[in-house]
Amino acid sequence: MKPISNILIVGGGTAGWLTAAFLARTLGAGANKAIRITVVESKEIGIIGVGEGTFPSIRGTLSAIGIDEARFVRECNATFKQGIKFVDWVRPQGAPGIDHYFHPFSMPSQKQGGPELLPYWLLGAADKVAPFAEAVTMQKCVADASRGPKRIDDGDFLGPMNYAYHFDAARFAAMLSEHARSLGVEHILATVEKVALDDDGAIASVATNEHGALTADLYIDCTGFRATLIGDALGSPFRKIDDVLFVDRALAVQVPYPHEDAPIPSYTISTAKEAGWIWDIGLQQRRGVGYVYSSRHTDDGRAEQVLRDYIGPASGETNPRMLKLNVGYREVHWIKNCVAVGLSGGFLEPLEASGIGLIETAAYLVSFLFPHNGDTAPVAKVFNQMMKERYERVVDFVKMHYCLTQRTDNQFWIDNADPRSIPESLRDKLAMWRCRPPHRMDFITDLEMYPPSSWQYVLYGMEFKTSLNPNSLAYPRFEEAKKEFVMIAQVSQHAVRDLPAHRTLVEHMCKRNEVTQPKSKTA
């Protein structure tokens, strides 16, 4: 077998350039040219950029590829994301009861040797019956006060609160492109018109009008929903999951702030509507707002009106961009000498920022399983199994947000709560959690994108009922837990005083980068 020394990534954007940068850092591309990495991308095909949100794993990825945090914040118009605020998901707007819950990124508090707090929260040890996320972590209090997740003098990617980012997708791709090329990645501007296969069914070359035929030992398909290599050429079937996740359209707009020093929420706001939900993301100079909806439960005209009603008077100057979402995934991502990364492998709607997280996972796997000797078959087998199972778990997690709703005001929500639309794997989890809370043993770490705490925050944010009364004797540390809940509430106020305003933190990061890199090309 021929060793792999030449990688061709077809398609740019976040998927192509993030993969290129990660492989360049981990496989020895660059000065010593142990492996040649080339990205070929078309000038004619733009970046979809549906999501502007990430999961905390992005911090490790940026650090691994050598991106300075301040540079990232400045060049990508980035802000900090401490979680997601879900509005009107449990019940319709105006109905009696709490109108929102929070999914924070920080883990539930547990001091060394202390009890796990979730069972005691379920047993009523938290004062004033505080929502779970507020009772067990400081982060909701910090985020509600418009504070950032870190102090001004905290180091890169460090802070007392766990966090991710919001950013401009086009700027992010541009920064990644510049950085990857500085690591030795080659760049070709050309449109791939055809894919030629060899006698064994592997890719022999890709044809471009501008540069003729391009060849490689390994091809990475980052062509988005088009899936030019893995789908069109190699025929990997696409598994649609529109019987589980119904949304298949998005209308997206950019909305200016009313004034330049307006507070920036350090979380995504997700507001449930009649046939889907609206995302509201605060960047430095604008908000990104979009309505994700099911075309089976509404029409495009009504969807645009819902979006404009949400935005208010500022919507009169906007022209929403329509995106058709191909929700599902390929069960086979790696065939012979071709592997799919990003939208070519699948898309599971932007509710919990799984898109970039799945790109990160694929890039990690390609790197750490890399078949240097050219024997791709065993690597492909492991890669396909791990990606398939990770997609399945993300589907369960996202569906859990929908199927636990108490809303019956629209058919969209009624259909989402229908047991026939809930995967059996999720139904089994929910059945077990009726008499005990989720535990780390319910999850296989290497296959999960979301930790057990994320499942807990959403589960109990959606007011799921777990009864521990038959087993209450197993939790004898009630008074100790009660004191811990009081301490968290007190320390939360200290954290609010200690942490800077979110906009102040962002502006400081930008100024710091101006001093260290005043001539950045993509600023």
Protein backbone atom coordinates (compact mmCIF):
# COMPACT_ATOMS: atom_id res chain seq x y z
CA MET A 1 0.00 0.00 0.00
CA LYS A 2 1.15 3.48 -0.78
CA PRO A 3 1.70 5.70 2.31
CA ILE A 4 -0.51 8.78 2.46
CA SER A 5 1.50 11.92 1.83
CA ASN A 6 -0.94 14.06 -0.16
CA ILE A 7 -4.32 15.24 1.19
CA LEU A 8 -6.79 17.21 -0.91
CA ILE A 9 -9.60 18.98 0.92
CA VAL A 10 -12.40 19.86 -1.49
CA GLY A 11 -14.29 22.88 -0.21
CA GLY A 12 -13.34 25.69 2.16
CA GLY A 13 -15.55 27.33 4.75
CA THR A 14 -15.33 26.38 8.41
CA ALA A 15 -15.23 22.64 7.70
CA GLY A 16 -12.47 22.76 5.10
CA TRP A 17 -10.18 25.28 6.74
CA LEU A 18 -10.59 24.05 10.31
CA THR A 19 -9.79 20.51 9.15
CA ALA A 20 -6.81 21.77 7.17
CA ALA A 21 -5.39 23.71 10.11
CA PHE A 22 -5.89 20.83 12.54
CA LEU A 23 -4.26 18.29 10.24
CA ALA A 24 -1.40 20.67 9.48
CA ARG A 25 -0.66 21.02 13.19
CA THR A 26 -0.95 17.34 14.04
CA LEU A 27 0.39 15.52 10.97
CA GLY A 28 3.55 17.47 10.27
CA ALA A 29 2.59 19.64 7.32
CA GLY A 30 4.44 22.88 6.84
CA ALA A 31 8.17 23.42 6.75
CA ASN A 32 9.25 19.79 6.69
CA LYS A 33 6.49 18.87 4.18
CA ALA A 34 6.00 15.41 5.68
CA ILE A 35 2.44 15.59 4.37
CA ARG A 36 1.13 17.91 1.71
CA ILE A 37 -2.28 19.41 2.45
CA THR A 38 -4.19 21.37 -0.17
CA VAL A 39 -7.57 23.08 -0.01
CA VAL A 40 -9.36 23.62 -3.30
CA GLU A 41 -12.35 25.93 -3.05
CA SER A 42 -14.57 27.71 -5.53
CA LYS A 43 -14.97 31.46 -5.84
CA GLU A 44 -18.51 30.81 -7.05
CA ILE A 45 -19.79 28.87 -4.03
CA GLY A 46 -20.39 30.89 -0.86
CA ILE A 47 -20.35 29.90 2.79
CA ILE A 48 -23.70 28.79 4.19
CA GLY A 49 -22.83 29.94 7.71
CA VAL A 50 -26.14 28.92 9.31
CA GLY A 51 -24.74 28.77 12.81
CA GLU A 52 -22.80 31.44 14.62
CA GLY A 53 -22.67 29.52 17.89
CA THR A 54 -20.29 26.92 19.27
CA PHE A 55 -19.90 24.43 22.12
CA PRO A 56 -17.05 24.76 24.69
CA SER A 57 -14.95 22.17 22.83
CA ILE A 58 -14.05 24.96 20.37
CA ARG A 59 -11.66 26.45 22.92
CA GLY A 60 -9.52 23.33 22.89
CA THR A 61 -9.61 23.25 19.11
CA LEU A 62 -8.52 26.87 18.71
CA SER A 63 -5.72 26.32 21.21
CA ALA A 64 -4.62 23.12 19.45
CA ILE A 65 -4.28 24.82 16.08
CA GLY A 66 -2.46 27.81 17.57
CA ILE A 67 -5.05 30.60 17.40
CA ASP A 68 -4.68 33.37 19.99
CA GLU A 69 -7.99 33.99 21.78
CA ALA A 70 -7.82 37.78 21.50
CA ARG A 71 -7.10 37.53 17.78
CA PHE A 72 -10.09 35.24 17.35
CA VAL A 73 -12.40 37.59 19.26
CA ARG A 74 -11.29 40.64 17.26
CA GLU A 75 -11.10 39.18 13.77
CA CYS A 76 -14.30 37.14 13.98
CA ASN A 77 -16.49 39.77 15.66
CA ALA A 78 -16.76 37.18 18.42
CA THR A 79 -18.47 37.32 21.80
CA PHE A 80 -18.69 34.84 24.65
CA LYS A 81 -21.40 32.22 25.02
CA GLN A 82 -22.14 30.79 28.47
CA GLY A 83 -25.10 28.69 27.46
CA ILE A 84 -28.57 28.88 25.95
CA LYS A 85 -31.70 30.52 27.29
CA PHE A 86 -34.80 28.63 26.16
CA VAL A 87 -37.92 30.79 26.12
CA ASP A 88 -41.49 29.40 25.81
CA TRP A 89 -40.33 25.84 25.14
CA VAL A 90 -42.26 24.30 28.03
CA ARG A 91 -45.52 26.23 27.56
CA PRO A 92 -46.85 28.96 25.23
CA GLN A 93 -46.10 32.62 25.76
CA GLY A 94 -48.32 34.08 28.46
CA ALA A 95 -49.30 30.74 30.02
CA PRO A 96 -49.02 30.45 33.82
CA GLY A 97 -45.64 29.18 35.01
CA ILE A 98 -41.97 29.87 34.40
CA ASP A 99 -41.43 31.11 30.84
CA HIS A 100 -37.80 30.04 30.32
CA TYR A 101 -34.97 27.80 31.45
CA PHE A 102 -31.19 27.97 31.04
CA HIS A 103 -28.69 25.43 29.74
CA PRO A 104 -25.36 26.63 31.22
CA PHE A 105 -21.98 25.25 30.18
CA SER A 106 -20.53 25.06 33.70
CA MET A 107 -20.87 21.76 35.51
CA PRO A 108 -23.12 21.46 38.59
CA SER A 109 -21.23 22.42 41.73
CA GLN A 110 -19.90 19.57 43.84
CA LYS A 111 -17.28 20.24 46.47
CA GLN A 112 -14.72 17.55 47.19
CA GLY A 113 -16.31 14.86 49.30
CA GLY A 114 -19.70 16.54 49.07
CA PRO A 115 -22.93 15.01 47.81
CA GLU A 116 -24.08 15.17 44.20
CA LEU A 117 -26.70 17.91 44.28
CA LEU A 118 -29.16 16.74 41.63
CA PRO A 119 -30.94 14.12 43.77
CA TYR A 120 -31.28 16.59 46.61
CA TRP A 121 -32.66 19.24 44.27
CA LEU A 122 -35.24 16.69 43.17
CA LEU A 123 -36.05 16.04 46.85
CA GLY A 124 -36.61 19.77 47.47
CA ALA A 125 -33.43 20.78 49.32
CA ALA A 126 -32.95 23.96 47.26
CA ASP A 127 -34.58 27.03 48.79
CA LYS A 128 -37.54 28.59 46.96
CA VAL A 129 -37.61 25.63 44.58
CA ALA A 130 -34.99 27.28 42.37
CA PRO A 131 -34.70 26.00 38.78
CA PHE A 132 -32.05 23.30 38.55
CA ALA A 133 -29.48 25.32 36.57
CA GLU A 134 -29.78 28.25 38.99
CA ALA A 135 -29.60 26.04 42.06
CA VAL A 136 -26.44 24.11 41.16
CA THR A 137 -24.24 26.62 39.30
CA MET A 138 -23.38 30.30 39.45
CA GLN A 139 -23.52 30.67 35.67
CA LYS A 140 -27.17 31.58 35.20
CA CYS A 141 -26.84 34.40 37.73
CA VAL A 142 -23.66 35.63 36.02
CA ALA A 143 -25.19 35.48 32.55
CA ASP A 144 -28.43 37.15 33.63
CA ALA A 145 -26.35 40.05 34.94
CA SER A 146 -24.70 40.46 31.51
CA ARG A 147 -21.30 39.51 32.92
CA GLY A 148 -18.57 37.77 30.98
CA PRO A 149 -17.34 34.27 31.86
CA LYS A 150 -13.75 35.33 32.63
CA ARG A 151 -11.79 38.16 34.19
CA ILE A 152 -9.78 40.69 32.22
CA ASP A 153 -6.45 39.16 33.28
CA ASP A 154 -7.41 35.49 32.82
CA GLY A 155 -5.24 33.64 30.31
CA ASP A 156 -6.29 32.46 26.87
CA PHE A 157 -9.23 30.04 26.96
CA LEU A 158 -9.31 30.15 30.78
CA GLY A 159 -11.94 31.50 33.15
CA PRO A 160 -14.03 30.61 36.20
CA MET A 161 -17.06 29.89 33.99
CA ASN A 162 -17.11 27.37 31.18
CA TYR A 163 -17.82 29.05 27.85
CA ALA A 164 -17.91 28.92 24.07
CA TYR A 165 -18.37 31.73 21.53
CA HIS A 166 -20.65 33.44 19.07
CA PHE A 167 -18.94 34.69 15.91
CA ASP A 168 -19.31 35.79 12.30
CA ALA A 169 -19.07 32.60 10.21
CA ALA A 170 -17.56 34.29 7.15
CA ARG A 171 -14.88 36.03 9.21
CA PHE A 172 -14.11 32.79 11.03
CA ALA A 173 -13.55 30.94 7.75
CA ALA A 174 -11.30 33.77 6.53
CA MET A 175 -9.21 33.69 9.69
CA LEU A 176 -8.89 29.91 9.55
CA SER A 177 -7.81 30.16 5.90
CA GLU A 178 -5.07 32.65 6.69
CA HIS A 179 -3.89 30.63 9.67
CA ALA A 180 -3.91 27.28 7.85
CA ARG A 181 -1.88 28.75 5.00
CA SER A 182 0.64 30.06 7.55
CA LEU A 183 0.99 26.43 8.70
CA GLY A 184 1.92 25.30 5.20
CA VAL A 185 -1.48 24.41 3.74
CA GLU A 186 -1.66 25.09 0.01
CA HIS A 187 -4.64 26.88 -1.52
CA ILE A 188 -6.17 26.49 -4.96
CA LEU A 189 -9.08 28.57 -6.21
CA ALA A 190 -11.04 26.34 -8.56
CA THR A 191 -14.43 24.70 -8.94
CA VAL A 192 -14.54 20.90 -8.95
CA GLU A 193 -16.66 19.89 -11.92
CA LYS A 194 -16.24 16.11 -12.03
CA VAL A 195 -14.91 13.25 -9.94
CA ALA A 196 -13.15 10.29 -11.59
CA LEU A 197 -13.06 6.87 -9.95
CA ASP A 198 -10.45 4.15 -10.43
CA ASP A 199 -11.11 0.46 -11.11
CA ASP A 200 -11.51 -0.25 -7.37
CA GLY A 201 -14.15 2.45 -6.91
CA ALA A 202 -11.84 4.87 -5.10
CA ILE A 203 -11.38 8.46 -6.19
CA ALA A 204 -8.69 8.75 -8.86
CA SER A 205 -8.88 12.52 -9.37
CA VAL A 206 -11.12 15.56 -9.32
CA ALA A 207 -11.41 17.71 -12.43
CA THR A 208 -11.42 21.52 -12.41
CA ASN A 209 -11.72 23.97 -15.28
CA GLU A 210 -9.08 26.26 -13.83
CA HIS A 211 -6.33 23.74 -12.94
CA GLY A 212 -7.26 20.53 -14.72
CA ALA A 213 -7.17 17.23 -12.81
CA LEU A 214 -6.08 17.25 -9.15
CA THR A 215 -4.94 14.05 -7.47
CA ALA A 216 -4.29 13.00 -3.89
CA ASP A 217 -3.86 9.96 -1.65
CA LEU A 218 -6.76 11.02 0.59
CA TYR A 219 -9.71 13.24 -0.32
CA ILE A 220 -11.73 15.12 2.30
CA ASP A 221 -15.20 16.18 1.18
CA CYS A 222 -16.10 19.60 2.62
CA THR A 223 -18.47 20.53 -0.19
CA GLY A 224 -21.44 21.09 2.12
CA PHE A 225 -24.93 19.85 1.32
CA ARG A 226 -23.78 19.16 -2.26
CA ALA A 227 -21.61 16.25 -1.02
CA THR A 228 -19.87 16.17 -4.40
CA LEU A 229 -17.47 13.38 -3.49
CA ILE A 230 -19.02 11.22 -0.78
CA GLY A 231 -22.57 11.51 -2.12
CA ASP A 232 -22.58 12.16 -5.86
CA ALA A 233 -19.43 10.23 -6.77
CA LEU A 234 -19.30 7.46 -4.15
CA GLY A 235 -23.02 7.08 -3.50
CA SER A 236 -23.06 7.08 0.28
CA PRO A 237 -26.78 7.18 1.13
CA PHE A 238 -28.18 10.05 3.18
CA ARG A 239 -30.44 9.12 6.07
CA LYS A 240 -33.16 11.74 6.45
CA ILE A 241 -34.54 12.10 9.95
CA ASP A 242 -37.43 14.44 9.22
CA ASP A 243 -39.71 12.00 11.04
CA VAL A 244 -37.83 12.88 14.25
CA LEU A 245 -36.55 16.44 13.76
CA PHE A 246 -39.11 18.37 11.72
CA VAL A 247 -37.44 21.71 10.98
CA ASP A 248 -36.22 22.03 7.39
CA ARG A 249 -36.12 25.79 6.69
CA ALA A 250 -34.41 28.82 8.16
CA LEU A 251 -34.84 32.55 7.60
CA ALA A 252 -31.81 34.52 8.79
CA VAL A 253 -31.21 38.26 9.18
CA GLN A 254 -28.68 40.64 10.70
CA VAL A 255 -30.07 43.22 13.12
CA PRO A 256 -28.11 46.29 14.32
CA TYR A 257 -28.01 47.25 17.99
CA PRO A 258 -30.05 50.34 18.96
CA HIS A 259 -26.80 51.99 20.14
CA GLU A 260 -23.15 50.99 19.96
CA ASP A 261 -22.69 50.35 23.69
CA ALA A 262 -25.80 48.17 24.07
CA PRO A 263 -25.30 45.21 26.44
CA ILE A 264 -24.46 41.92 24.71
CA PRO A 265 -26.12 38.79 26.12
CA SER A 266 -23.48 36.14 26.79
CA TYR A 267 -25.81 33.33 25.76
CA THR A 268 -27.91 32.30 22.81
CA ILE A 269 -31.60 33.11 23.16
CA SER A 270 -33.82 30.40 21.68
CA THR A 271 -37.49 31.34 21.60
CA ALA A 272 -40.06 28.71 20.69
CA LYS A 273 -42.65 29.75 18.10
CA GLU A 274 -45.66 28.15 16.44
CA ALA A 275 -43.71 25.97 13.97
CA GLY A 276 -40.14 26.06 15.24
CA TRP A 277 -37.88 28.44 17.14
CA ILE A 278 -35.97 31.70 16.74
CA TRP A 279 -32.29 32.08 17.52
CA ASP A 280 -31.00 35.44 18.75
CA ILE A 281 -27.21 35.78 18.96
CA GLY A 282 -25.34 38.89 20.03
CA LEU A 283 -22.12 39.73 18.20
CA GLN A 284 -20.04 42.87 18.73
CA GLN A 285 -21.77 45.18 16.24
CA ARG A 286 -24.99 43.32 15.48
CA ARG A 287 -27.35 40.51 16.35
CA GLY A 288 -27.80 37.42 14.24
CA VAL A 289 -31.47 36.42 14.29
CA GLY A 290 -33.15 33.56 12.48
CA TYR A 291 -36.31 31.47 12.48
CA VAL A 292 -35.84 27.72 12.11
CA TYR A 293 -39.16 26.12 11.16
CA SER A 294 -40.95 23.15 9.64
CA SER A 295 -42.37 23.71 6.16
CA ARG A 296 -44.91 20.99 6.92
CA HIS A 297 -46.36 23.07 9.74
CA THR A 298 -46.28 26.57 8.24
CA ASP A 299 -45.55 28.37 4.97
CA ASP A 300 -42.67 30.67 4.11
CA GLY A 301 -44.79 33.81 4.17
CA ARG A 302 -46.12 33.13 7.64
CA ALA A 303 -42.62 32.21 8.82
CA GLU A 304 -41.25 35.56 7.66
CA GLN A 305 -44.03 37.37 9.49
CA VAL A 306 -43.25 35.50 12.71
CA LEU A 307 -39.61 36.51 12.37
CA ARG A 308 -40.47 40.17 11.68
CA ASP A 309 -42.87 40.27 14.62
CA TYR A 310 -40.08 39.00 16.87
CA ILE A 311 -37.56 41.60 15.65
CA GLY A 312 -40.00 44.49 15.80
CA PRO A 313 -39.57 47.86 14.05
CA ALA A 314 -35.96 47.09 13.04
CA SER A 315 -37.23 44.30 10.77
CA GLY A 316 -38.48 46.84 8.21
CA GLU A 317 -34.90 47.33 6.97
CA THR A 318 -34.04 43.62 6.77
CA ASN A 319 -34.24 41.17 3.90
CA PRO A 320 -34.28 37.64 5.36
CA ARG A 321 -32.10 35.04 3.71
CA MET A 322 -33.82 31.71 3.06
CA LEU A 323 -31.95 28.47 3.77
CA LYS A 324 -33.25 24.99 3.01
CA LEU A 325 -31.92 22.52 5.56
CA ASN A 326 -31.20 18.92 4.66
CA VAL A 327 -31.62 17.42 8.13
CA GLY A 328 -30.04 14.00 8.51
CA TYR A 329 -26.69 12.27 8.15
CA ARG A 330 -24.73 9.65 6.27
CA GLU A 331 -24.23 6.40 8.10
CA VAL A 332 -21.06 5.89 6.04
CA HIS A 333 -18.77 8.93 6.14
CA TRP A 334 -15.55 7.29 4.95
CA ILE A 335 -15.42 5.22 1.76
CA LYS A 336 -12.06 4.00 0.47
CA ASN A 337 -9.88 7.13 0.10
CA CYS A 338 -12.60 9.72 0.77
CA VAL A 339 -13.97 11.03 4.07
CA ALA A 340 -16.78 13.54 4.62
CA VAL A 341 -16.43 16.39 7.12
CA GLY A 342 -19.12 18.96 7.88
CA LEU A 343 -22.40 19.33 6.02
CA SER A 344 -21.40 16.72 3.44
CA GLY A 345 -21.61 14.19 6.28
CA GLY A 346 -24.74 15.52 7.95
CA PHE A 347 -26.67 18.36 9.54
CA LEU A 348 -28.85 18.23 12.66
CA GLU A 349 -30.22 21.80 12.89
CA PRO A 350 -28.49 24.56 14.90
CA LEU A 351 -30.37 24.19 18.21
CA GLU A 352 -27.39 23.10 20.35
CA ALA A 353 -24.50 24.18 18.07
CA SER A 354 -23.75 20.62 16.98
CA GLY A 355 -22.58 21.64 13.49
CA ILE A 356 -19.12 22.92 14.32
CA GLY A 357 -18.81 20.39 17.15
CA LEU A 358 -19.24 17.56 14.65
CA ILE A 359 -16.64 19.18 12.36
CA GLU A 360 -14.24 19.22 15.31
CA THR A 361 -14.96 15.55 16.05
CA ALA A 362 -14.37 14.50 12.44
CA ALA A 363 -11.12 16.46 12.21
CA TYR A 364 -9.88 14.92 15.47
CA LEU A 365 -10.71 11.41 14.28
CA VAL A 366 -9.08 11.86 10.87
CA SER A 367 -5.94 13.09 12.60
CA PHE A 368 -5.67 10.62 15.44
CA LEU A 369 -6.76 7.55 13.43
CA PHE A 370 -4.74 8.65 10.41
CA PRO A 371 -3.73 5.68 8.17
CA HIS A 372 -0.15 6.76 7.48
CA ASN A 373 0.58 3.44 5.72
CA GLY A 374 -2.33 3.89 3.32
CA ASP A 375 -4.51 1.12 4.78
CA THR A 376 -7.75 3.07 5.05
CA ALA A 377 -10.16 0.13 5.50
CA PRO A 378 -9.80 -0.44 9.28
CA VAL A 379 -9.68 3.30 9.96
CA ALA A 380 -12.80 3.88 7.88
CA LYS A 381 -14.62 1.19 9.84
CA VAL A 382 -13.84 2.81 13.20
CA PHE A 383 -14.50 6.32 11.90
CA ASN A 384 -17.88 5.37 10.44
CA GLN A 385 -18.99 3.63 13.61
CA MET A 386 -17.97 6.50 15.88
CA MET A 387 -19.49 9.22 13.71
CA LYS A 388 -22.74 7.31 13.20
CA GLU A 389 -23.16 6.73 16.92
CA ARG A 390 -22.29 10.32 17.75
CA TYR A 391 -24.94 11.57 15.30
CA GLU A 392 -27.48 9.21 16.89
CA ARG A 393 -26.76 10.61 20.35
CA VAL A 394 -27.00 14.21 19.15
CA VAL A 395 -30.38 13.39 17.57
CA ASP A 396 -31.62 12.04 20.91
CA PHE A 397 -30.37 15.10 22.77
CA VAL A 398 -31.93 17.59 20.37
CA LYS A 399 -35.21 15.67 20.20
CA MET A 400 -35.44 15.71 24.01
CA HIS A 401 -35.88 19.50 23.87
CA TYR A 402 -38.97 19.09 21.71
CA CYS A 403 -40.68 15.95 22.94
CA LEU A 404 -40.96 17.02 26.59
CA THR A 405 -42.95 20.15 25.78
CA GLN A 406 -46.31 20.76 27.41
CA ARG A 407 -47.41 22.90 24.45
CA THR A 408 -50.55 21.86 22.60
CA ASP A 409 -51.24 25.22 20.95
CA ASN A 410 -49.85 24.21 17.54
CA GLN A 411 -49.64 20.98 15.58
CA PHE A 412 -45.84 21.31 15.39
CA TRP A 413 -45.53 20.85 19.15
CA ILE A 414 -48.23 18.19 19.31
CA ASP A 415 -46.41 16.16 16.66
CA ASN A 416 -43.07 16.57 18.46
CA ALA A 417 -44.54 15.10 21.65
CA ASP A 418 -46.04 12.15 19.77
CA PRO A 419 -44.20 9.01 21.01
CA ARG A 420 -44.03 7.75 17.41
CA SER A 421 -41.59 10.60 16.62
CA ILE A 422 -39.27 9.77 19.53
CA PRO A 423 -36.34 7.38 18.83
CA GLU A 424 -36.50 4.17 20.85
CA SER A 425 -33.10 4.93 22.40
CA LEU A 426 -34.45 8.20 23.82
CA ARG A 427 -37.71 6.62 24.96
CA ASP A 428 -35.69 4.08 26.94
CA LYS A 429 -33.61 6.79 28.61
CA LEU A 430 -36.68 8.79 29.59
CA ALA A 431 -38.34 5.68 31.01
CA MET A 432 -35.33 4.96 33.24
CA TRP A 433 -35.11 8.58 34.36
CA ARG A 434 -38.65 8.50 35.76
CA CYS A 435 -37.28 6.88 38.92
CA ARG A 436 -33.65 8.05 38.91
CA PRO A 437 -31.78 11.01 37.45
CA PRO A 438 -29.36 10.71 34.51
CA HIS A 439 -25.97 9.36 35.52
CA ARG A 440 -22.61 9.29 33.76
CA MET A 441 -23.05 5.53 33.35
CA ASP A 442 -25.88 6.29 30.90
CA PHE A 443 -23.34 7.77 28.50
CA ILE A 444 -20.27 6.54 26.60
CA THR A 445 -17.80 9.42 26.83
CA ASP A 446 -16.04 8.96 23.48
CA LEU A 447 -19.35 8.92 21.62
CA GLU A 448 -21.01 11.87 23.33
CA MET A 449 -20.89 15.50 22.30
CA TYR A 450 -22.85 16.68 25.34
CA PRO A 451 -21.88 15.76 28.93
CA PRO A 452 -24.41 14.28 31.38
CA SER A 453 -24.90 17.72 32.94
CA SER A 454 -26.24 19.09 29.65
CA TRP A 455 -28.85 16.35 29.55
CA GLN A 456 -29.76 17.16 33.15
CA TYR A 457 -30.10 20.90 32.51
CA VAL A 458 -32.43 20.36 29.56
CA LEU A 459 -34.36 17.49 31.12
CA TYR A 460 -35.27 19.40 34.25
CA GLY A 461 -35.50 22.74 32.49
CA MET A 462 -38.30 21.13 30.51
CA GLU A 463 -39.86 20.16 33.87
CA PHE A 464 -39.42 16.42 33.51
CA LYS A 465 -40.61 14.52 36.58
CA THR A 466 -38.26 12.13 38.36
CA SER A 467 -39.62 10.62 41.57
CA LEU A 468 -37.03 9.63 44.17
CA ASN A 469 -39.49 9.17 47.01
CA PRO A 470 -39.42 5.35 46.90
CA ASN A 471 -35.64 5.53 47.30
CA SER A 472 -35.26 8.64 49.46
CA LEU A 473 -33.35 6.71 52.16
CA ALA A 474 -30.46 6.46 49.69
CA TYR A 475 -29.91 10.20 50.11
CA PRO A 476 -29.11 10.84 53.80
CA ARG A 477 -27.15 14.09 53.30
CA PHE A 478 -30.15 16.37 52.86
CA GLU A 479 -29.05 19.05 55.33
CA GLU A 480 -25.52 19.12 53.93
CA ALA A 481 -26.90 19.57 50.41
CA LYS A 482 -29.25 22.28 51.64
CA LYS A 483 -26.30 24.29 52.98
CA GLU A 484 -24.48 23.85 49.67
CA PHE A 485 -27.43 25.30 47.75
CA VAL A 486 -27.39 28.35 50.06
CA MET A 487 -23.65 28.77 49.54
CA ILE A 488 -24.01 28.65 45.72
CA ALA A 489 -26.60 31.42 45.85
CA GLN A 490 -24.31 33.56 48.00
CA VAL A 491 -21.18 32.94 45.93
CA SER A 492 -23.14 33.75 42.76
CA GLN A 493 -23.49 37.35 43.94
CA HIS A 494 -19.74 37.54 44.54
CA ALA A 495 -19.14 36.24 41.01
CA VAL A 496 -21.37 38.94 39.55
CA ARG A 497 -19.34 41.59 41.34
CA ASP A 498 -16.00 40.00 40.40
CA LEU A 499 -16.60 39.47 36.68
CA PRO A 500 -16.59 42.29 34.08
CA ALA A 501 -19.54 43.29 31.94
CA HIS A 502 -19.62 41.14 28.85
CA ARG A 503 -19.15 44.03 26.40
CA THR A 504 -16.27 45.39 28.51
CA LEU A 505 -14.53 42.03 28.36
CA VAL A 506 -14.97 41.78 24.59
CA GLU A 507 -13.70 45.31 24.00
CA HIS A 508 -10.64 44.61 26.16
CA MET A 509 -9.85 41.47 24.14
CA CYS A 510 -10.10 43.43 20.89
CA LYS A 511 -7.81 46.19 22.14
CA ARG A 512 -5.29 43.63 23.36
CA ASN A 513 -5.16 42.10 19.91
CA GLU A 514 -4.74 45.52 18.26
CA VAL A 515 -1.58 46.00 20.33
CA THR A 516 -0.11 42.56 19.61
CA GLN A 517 -1.20 42.22 15.96
CA PRO A 518 -1.95 45.68 14.54
CA LYS A 519 -1.54 44.66 10.90
CA SER A 520 -3.80 41.59 10.78
CA LYS A 521 -5.07 41.12 7.24
CA THR A 522 -8.58 39.95 8.15
CA ALA A 523 -9.32 42.44 10.91
